[in-house]
Amino acid sequence: MKSAFVTGSTGLLGNNLVRELLRQGVRVKGLARSQDKARQQFAELPVDIVEGDMTDVGGFADALKGCDALFHTAAHFRDCYKGGQHAQKLQATNVEGTVALLDAARKNGVREIVHTSSIAVLDGPPGQPIDETMARDLAHADDYYRSKILSDQAVMRFCQQHPDTRVVMVLPGWMFGPGDMGPTSAGQLVLDFAARKLPGRIPGTFSVVDARDVAQIQVSAMRKGQSGHRYLAAGQNMTMDQLFPLLAQATGVPAPTRAIPIGLLKVIAWVNETQSRLTGAPALVSRAAVRLLEREAGRTQFNQEKTFTALQGTFRPPLDTLTDTVNWYRQKGWLTPGTTPRMALSG
């Protein structure tokens, strides 16, 4: 692998993947919707920025020529839990965009691809470790989860139709890490915690992972993964009660002591979405987010033995990840005090 094309290059995973590839001596073309954001993210790094959007793959397809490998990290996610309807955008970006990208890559000579899937495509009983074979039924998927399942199905069809092209899937958990300019829901949680904007601890379980570890697993998947295979990069299973003390250590800010029950969250979400419809502002916590918390509780423990064995994947301690994330935001001047409570449940 001498040159690689990375979609979603300015995102949390994408930018850390770009940096990992450059560290390993790989030339990188990075797809970004904004040249300005790309310049902010990569500064003086030798990244060839390609401006484009996953809803118009034809607009940047020629830039795939000459690349040995494609890493597809771009996806529509952040707005999906802020209320409103997003099914059409999810279908266009996550499903149709992926199909078009795979076809464009093959037509332009790229035969090595890593597709970023998600733990969303897997499911199992509460409390049971979940592995790559345990597929989620569409009946148990919200709009975002559905788009990732359909995207994976499209990848599998492509693998069957084009055995000359190797496509490997990596399934990340809830990613934290430096370089989160979006910010993602994880980055927003860190910022809100540091600014004392969180009114309490929310229920639920999560699989927390460092985006840098996911990036390293993706590069390993490119070098060692089998076509059509899934590899988990979920990280560590945690509750918010376990995560908050680590955030307190990383930020120096005391953790909220009040527990917010799921019933109250449902009321807050209904109020937020009503206000959103009246004002046009995004809901700070949506009913979709609360339903997800309730449905997935206890279903975020994953068996990652396949990744450990086949890809030699490793995960750093969550405290190290959170500390590095906080320090990155501090260096950027983003950590400012505040007192207005908000819920960091939306992307």
Protein backbone atom coordinates (compact mmCIF):
# COMPACT_ATOMS: atom_id res chain seq x y z
CA MET A 1 0.00 0.00 0.00
CA LYS A 2 1.74 3.14 -1.25
CA SER A 3 -1.26 5.45 -1.68
CA ALA A 4 -4.72 5.52 -0.14
CA PHE A 5 -7.99 7.40 -0.59
CA VAL A 6 -9.88 8.21 2.64
CA THR A 7 -13.51 9.35 2.64
CA GLY A 8 -14.68 11.39 5.63
CA SER A 9 -11.08 12.49 6.10
CA THR A 10 -11.80 15.42 8.43
CA GLY A 11 -14.04 13.42 10.76
CA LEU A 12 -12.96 11.92 14.07
CA LEU A 13 -12.02 8.53 12.64
CA GLY A 14 -11.02 9.85 9.23
CA ASN A 15 -8.46 12.38 10.44
CA ASN A 16 -6.85 9.92 12.82
CA LEU A 17 -6.71 7.35 10.02
CA VAL A 18 -5.06 9.90 7.71
CA ARG A 19 -2.44 10.60 10.38
CA GLU A 20 -1.80 6.88 10.93
CA LEU A 21 -1.38 6.28 7.20
CA LEU A 22 1.04 9.19 6.87
CA ARG A 23 2.97 7.88 9.88
CA GLN A 24 3.36 4.58 8.03
CA GLY A 25 4.63 6.31 4.90
CA VAL A 26 1.45 6.07 2.81
CA ARG A 27 0.50 8.92 0.48
CA VAL A 28 -3.06 10.08 1.21
CA LYS A 29 -5.89 11.66 -0.73
CA GLY A 30 -8.60 12.80 1.66
CA LEU A 31 -12.21 13.44 0.68
CA ALA A 32 -13.69 16.47 2.46
CA ARG A 33 -16.83 18.50 1.95
CA SER A 34 -14.97 21.68 2.91
CA GLN A 35 -11.46 22.74 1.92
CA ASP A 36 -11.44 25.21 4.82
CA LYS A 37 -12.20 22.51 7.39
CA ALA A 38 -9.58 20.27 5.82
CA ARG A 39 -6.96 23.00 6.08
CA GLN A 40 -7.84 23.52 9.74
CA GLN A 41 -7.69 19.80 10.46
CA PHE A 42 -4.46 18.97 8.66
CA ALA A 43 -2.54 22.27 8.72
CA GLU A 44 0.85 21.52 7.17
CA LEU A 45 0.38 17.75 6.77
CA PRO A 46 1.00 16.47 3.21
CA VAL A 47 -2.59 15.48 2.45
CA ASP A 48 -4.05 15.85 -1.04
CA ILE A 49 -7.53 17.20 -0.31
CA VAL A 50 -10.33 16.24 -2.69
CA GLU A 51 -13.48 18.29 -2.24
CA GLY A 52 -16.66 16.28 -2.65
CA ASP A 53 -19.71 14.68 -1.09
CA MET A 54 -20.90 11.09 -0.75
CA THR A 55 -24.24 11.99 -2.34
CA ASP A 56 -22.34 12.81 -5.57
CA VAL A 57 -19.63 10.18 -5.93
CA GLY A 58 -19.35 10.90 -9.63
CA GLY A 59 -18.10 14.37 -8.76
CA PHE A 60 -14.85 13.03 -7.27
CA ALA A 61 -14.58 9.50 -8.73
CA ASP A 62 -11.64 10.37 -11.00
CA ALA A 63 -9.54 11.19 -7.91
CA LEU A 64 -9.56 7.48 -7.03
CA LYS A 65 -7.26 6.76 -9.96
CA GLY A 66 -3.75 5.85 -8.92
CA CYS A 67 -4.69 4.83 -5.36
CA ASP A 68 -3.80 1.37 -4.09
CA ALA A 69 -6.39 1.36 -1.33
CA LEU A 70 -9.69 2.94 -0.29
CA PHE A 71 -10.77 3.53 3.30
CA HIS A 72 -14.45 4.47 3.51
CA THR A 73 -15.16 6.25 6.82
CA ALA A 74 -17.74 8.84 5.70
CA ALA A 75 -21.33 8.44 6.91
CA HIS A 76 -24.36 10.50 7.83
CA PHE A 77 -24.82 10.19 11.58
CA ARG A 78 -24.51 13.33 13.65
CA ASP A 79 -27.97 14.77 13.02
CA CYS A 80 -29.82 11.46 13.34
CA TYR A 81 -30.55 11.83 17.05
CA LYS A 82 -31.51 15.51 17.09
CA GLY A 83 -35.14 14.96 16.18
CA GLY A 84 -36.79 15.14 12.77
CA GLN A 85 -36.75 12.71 9.87
CA HIS A 86 -33.43 11.61 8.35
CA ALA A 87 -34.26 8.38 6.52
CA GLN A 88 -33.85 9.90 3.05
CA LYS A 89 -30.42 11.43 3.80
CA LEU A 90 -29.29 8.22 5.49
CA GLN A 91 -30.31 6.17 2.47
CA ALA A 92 -28.65 8.56 0.01
CA THR A 93 -25.35 8.85 1.93
CA ASN A 94 -24.84 5.61 3.82
CA VAL A 95 -26.40 3.14 1.39
CA GLU A 96 -26.54 4.57 -2.13
CA GLY A 97 -23.31 6.51 -1.60
CA THR A 98 -21.49 3.35 -0.52
CA VAL A 99 -22.76 1.41 -3.55
CA ALA A 100 -21.64 4.18 -5.90
CA LEU A 101 -18.25 4.46 -4.17
CA LEU A 102 -17.51 0.74 -4.47
CA ASP A 103 -18.39 0.78 -8.16
CA ALA A 104 -16.31 3.91 -8.78
CA ALA A 105 -13.32 2.48 -6.94
CA ARG A 106 -13.36 -0.72 -8.96
CA LYS A 107 -13.76 1.14 -12.25
CA ASN A 108 -10.74 3.26 -11.32
CA GLY A 109 -8.51 0.31 -10.50
CA VAL A 110 -8.79 0.17 -6.70
CA ARG A 111 -8.89 -3.47 -5.57
CA GLU A 112 -8.27 -3.11 -1.81
CA ILE A 113 -11.04 -1.53 0.33
CA VAL A 114 -11.81 -1.16 4.04
CA HIS A 115 -15.42 -0.24 4.77
CA THR A 116 -16.31 1.34 8.11
CA SER A 117 -19.35 -0.45 9.42
CA SER A 118 -20.63 -0.16 13.00
CA ILE A 119 -21.53 -2.18 16.07
CA ALA A 120 -25.06 -1.08 15.07
CA VAL A 121 -25.25 -3.99 12.61
CA LEU A 122 -24.92 -6.55 15.42
CA ASP A 123 -27.34 -7.54 18.17
CA GLY A 124 -27.79 -10.07 20.94
CA PRO A 125 -29.47 -10.71 24.28
CA PRO A 126 -28.63 -8.30 27.13
CA GLY A 127 -25.54 -9.36 29.05
CA GLN A 128 -24.27 -11.75 26.38
CA PRO A 129 -21.01 -11.02 24.51
CA ILE A 130 -21.81 -10.24 20.88
CA ASP A 131 -19.55 -11.28 18.02
CA GLU A 132 -19.37 -10.58 14.28
CA THR A 133 -21.78 -13.40 13.40
CA MET A 134 -24.72 -12.00 15.38
CA ALA A 135 -26.54 -9.87 12.80
CA ARG A 136 -29.19 -7.37 13.82
CA ASP A 137 -32.70 -7.84 12.45
CA LEU A 138 -34.05 -4.78 10.65
CA ALA A 139 -37.08 -4.95 12.96
CA HIS A 140 -34.75 -3.95 15.82
CA ALA A 141 -33.10 -1.06 13.98
CA ASP A 142 -33.77 2.67 14.01
CA ASP A 143 -33.19 4.69 10.83
CA TYR A 144 -29.43 5.05 11.35
CA TYR A 145 -28.91 1.42 12.32
CA ARG A 146 -31.01 0.39 9.33
CA SER A 147 -28.81 2.40 6.97
CA LYS A 148 -25.67 0.71 8.30
CA ILE A 149 -27.22 -2.76 7.96
CA LEU A 150 -28.28 -2.05 4.38
CA SER A 151 -24.85 -0.60 3.63
CA ASP A 152 -23.17 -3.78 4.88
CA GLN A 153 -25.53 -5.90 2.81
CA ALA A 154 -24.55 -3.89 -0.25
CA VAL A 155 -20.87 -4.50 0.57
CA MET A 156 -21.47 -8.25 0.83
CA ARG A 157 -23.25 -8.31 -2.55
CA PHE A 158 -20.34 -6.42 -4.08
CA CYS A 159 -17.88 -8.96 -2.66
CA GLN A 160 -19.86 -11.82 -4.17
CA GLN A 161 -20.15 -10.12 -7.55
CA HIS A 162 -16.50 -8.97 -7.72
CA PRO A 163 -14.19 -11.56 -6.12
CA ASP A 164 -11.21 -9.75 -7.67
CA THR A 165 -11.75 -6.85 -5.24
CA ARG A 166 -11.08 -7.34 -1.52
CA VAL A 167 -13.43 -5.50 0.84
CA VAL A 168 -12.96 -5.80 4.60
CA MET A 169 -15.37 -4.39 7.20
CA VAL A 170 -14.38 -2.82 10.54
CA LEU A 171 -17.08 -2.25 13.18
CA PRO A 172 -16.24 0.58 15.63
CA GLY A 173 -17.97 1.36 18.91
CA TRP A 174 -18.60 4.84 20.38
CA MET A 175 -15.45 6.69 19.37
CA PHE A 176 -13.62 9.34 21.41
CA GLY A 177 -10.28 10.94 20.70
CA PRO A 178 -8.31 14.03 19.69
CA GLY A 179 -9.10 15.79 16.45
CA ASP A 180 -12.87 15.71 16.99
CA MET A 181 -13.71 19.01 15.29
CA GLY A 182 -17.37 18.12 14.55
CA PRO A 183 -17.77 17.55 17.37
CA THR A 184 -19.31 14.07 17.43
CA SER A 185 -21.69 13.09 20.23
CA ALA A 186 -18.66 11.83 22.14
CA GLY A 187 -16.80 15.11 21.73
CA GLN A 188 -19.90 17.09 22.68
CA LEU A 189 -20.21 15.01 25.85
CA VAL A 190 -16.63 15.87 26.80
CA LEU A 191 -17.18 19.57 26.12
CA ASP A 192 -20.47 19.68 28.02
CA PHE A 193 -18.98 17.81 30.96
CA ALA A 194 -16.01 20.19 31.14
CA ALA A 195 -18.34 23.21 30.93
CA ARG A 196 -20.57 21.81 33.73
CA LYS A 197 -23.57 21.74 31.40
CA LEU A 198 -24.76 18.23 32.21
CA PRO A 199 -27.65 18.14 34.72
CA GLY A 200 -27.07 14.50 35.66
CA ARG A 201 -26.02 11.00 34.72
CA ILE A 202 -28.02 9.24 32.04
CA PRO A 203 -28.71 5.49 32.09
CA GLY A 204 -27.49 2.99 29.53
CA THR A 205 -24.39 1.07 28.52
CA PHE A 206 -21.87 1.96 25.84
CA SER A 207 -18.86 0.47 24.06
CA VAL A 208 -16.14 3.13 24.29
CA VAL A 209 -13.15 3.12 21.95
CA ASP A 210 -10.32 5.44 20.93
CA ALA A 211 -10.53 6.56 17.30
CA ARG A 212 -6.75 6.14 17.03
CA ASP A 213 -7.08 2.47 17.95
CA VAL A 214 -9.83 2.04 15.35
CA ALA A 215 -7.56 3.70 12.76
CA GLN A 216 -4.75 1.26 13.53
CA ILE A 217 -7.15 -1.68 13.28
CA GLN A 218 -8.37 -0.38 9.92
CA VAL A 219 -4.82 -0.26 8.56
CA SER A 220 -4.22 -3.76 9.91
CA ALA A 221 -7.48 -4.89 8.28
CA MET A 222 -6.24 -3.52 4.97
CA ARG A 223 -3.02 -5.51 5.29
CA LYS A 224 -4.35 -8.73 6.85
CA GLY A 225 -8.17 -8.87 6.74
CA GLN A 226 -10.15 -11.34 4.66
CA SER A 227 -12.58 -10.11 2.04
CA GLY A 228 -16.20 -10.11 3.18
CA HIS A 229 -15.20 -10.50 6.82
CA ARG A 230 -16.18 -8.27 9.73
CA TYR A 231 -13.76 -7.25 12.49
CA LEU A 232 -14.96 -5.59 15.68
CA ALA A 233 -13.26 -2.45 17.02
CA ALA A 234 -15.77 -1.82 19.79
CA GLY A 235 -13.42 -1.09 22.68
CA GLN A 236 -14.57 -1.37 26.29
CA ASN A 237 -18.08 -1.93 27.61
CA MET A 238 -18.98 0.83 30.12
CA THR A 239 -21.90 2.46 31.87
CA MET A 240 -22.17 6.23 32.17
CA ASP A 241 -21.56 5.79 35.90
CA GLN A 242 -18.18 4.31 34.99
CA LEU A 243 -17.41 6.88 32.31
CA PHE A 244 -18.20 10.01 34.36
CA PRO A 245 -15.49 9.47 37.03
CA LEU A 246 -12.92 9.13 34.23
CA LEU A 247 -14.16 12.35 32.66
CA ALA A 248 -13.82 13.99 36.08
CA GLN A 249 -10.18 12.87 36.25
CA ALA A 250 -9.46 14.05 32.71
CA THR A 251 -11.12 17.46 33.08
CA GLY A 252 -10.69 18.23 36.77
CA VAL A 253 -14.44 18.93 36.92
CA PRO A 254 -16.59 17.05 39.49
CA ALA A 255 -19.01 14.55 37.98
CA PRO A 256 -22.76 15.22 38.32
CA THR A 257 -24.25 13.22 41.16
CA ARG A 258 -27.90 13.24 40.09
CA ALA A 259 -29.13 10.16 38.22
CA ILE A 260 -31.70 10.85 35.50
CA PRO A 261 -34.10 7.89 35.07
CA ILE A 262 -35.22 6.76 31.64
CA GLY A 263 -38.80 7.88 32.34
CA LEU A 264 -37.68 11.47 32.95
CA LEU A 265 -35.49 11.34 29.86
CA LYS A 266 -38.55 10.47 27.77
CA VAL A 267 -40.37 13.53 29.08
CA ILE A 268 -37.33 15.74 28.45
CA ALA A 269 -37.05 14.39 24.91
CA TRP A 270 -40.72 15.07 24.18
CA VAL A 271 -40.36 18.64 25.45
CA ASN A 272 -37.13 19.16 23.47
CA GLU A 273 -38.64 17.91 20.22
CA THR A 274 -41.74 20.08 20.72
CA GLN A 275 -39.52 23.12 21.23
CA SER A 276 -37.47 22.11 18.20
CA ARG A 277 -40.56 22.05 15.97
CA LEU A 278 -41.56 25.50 17.21
CA THR A 279 -38.14 27.16 17.04
CA GLY A 280 -36.36 25.23 14.29
CA ALA A 281 -33.40 24.55 16.60
CA PRO A 282 -32.21 20.92 16.89
CA ALA A 283 -33.45 18.98 19.90
CA LEU A 284 -30.72 18.55 22.52
CA VAL A 285 -32.14 15.13 23.33
CA SER A 286 -34.53 13.31 21.02
CA ARG A 287 -36.97 10.47 21.53
CA ALA A 288 -34.92 8.42 19.06
CA ALA A 289 -31.86 8.81 21.28
CA VAL A 290 -33.77 7.77 24.39
CA ARG A 291 -35.30 4.76 22.62
CA LEU A 292 -31.80 3.74 21.57
CA LEU A 293 -30.48 4.02 25.13
CA GLU A 294 -33.36 1.92 26.40
CA ARG A 295 -33.18 -0.74 23.66
CA GLU A 296 -29.40 -1.17 23.72
CA ALA A 297 -28.91 -1.28 27.49
CA GLY A 298 -26.81 -4.34 28.27
CA ARG A 299 -26.16 -5.01 24.59
CA THR A 300 -22.76 -3.29 24.30
CA GLN A 301 -20.45 -6.10 25.42
CA PHE A 302 -18.57 -7.54 22.46
CA ASN A 303 -16.35 -10.56 21.84
CA GLN A 304 -13.40 -9.11 19.90
CA GLU A 305 -11.21 -12.20 19.87
CA LYS A 306 -11.24 -12.29 16.06
CA THR A 307 -9.75 -8.79 15.92
CA PHE A 308 -7.16 -9.58 18.61
CA THR A 309 -6.07 -12.77 16.86
CA ALA A 310 -6.28 -11.91 13.15
CA LEU A 311 -5.38 -8.21 13.26
CA GLN A 312 -3.45 -7.95 16.54
CA GLY A 313 -5.81 -5.12 17.52
CA THR A 314 -5.31 -3.41 20.88
CA PHE A 315 -7.25 -0.83 22.90
CA ARG A 316 -5.71 1.75 25.20
CA PRO A 317 -7.26 2.53 28.62
CA PRO A 318 -10.32 4.84 28.35
CA LEU A 319 -8.75 7.34 30.78
CA ASP A 320 -5.83 7.85 28.38
CA THR A 321 -8.28 8.46 25.54
CA LEU A 322 -10.36 10.95 27.53
CA THR A 323 -7.28 12.78 28.80
CA ASP A 324 -5.89 13.17 25.29
CA THR A 325 -9.31 14.34 24.04
CA VAL A 326 -9.58 16.94 26.79
CA ASN A 327 -6.03 18.14 26.18
CA TRP A 328 -6.72 18.52 22.44
CA TYR A 329 -9.81 20.64 23.14
CA ARG A 330 -7.87 22.65 25.73
CA GLN A 331 -5.11 23.37 23.20
CA LYS A 332 -7.76 24.52 20.72
CA GLY A 333 -9.33 26.83 23.33
CA TRP A 334 -12.67 25.02 23.20
CA LEU A 335 -13.02 24.33 26.93
CA THR A 336 -14.98 27.27 28.29
CA PRO A 337 -16.97 27.38 31.56
CA GLY A 338 -20.77 27.49 31.44
CA THR A 339 -23.75 26.88 33.65
CA THR A 340 -26.65 26.21 31.27
CA PRO A 341 -27.70 22.55 31.57
CA ARG A 342 -28.04 20.54 28.38
CA MET A 343 -28.19 16.89 27.44
CA ALA A 344 -25.30 15.54 25.37
CA LEU A 345 -27.32 12.75 23.79
CA SER A 346 -27.44 13.90 20.20
CA GLY A 347 -24.76 13.55 17.55
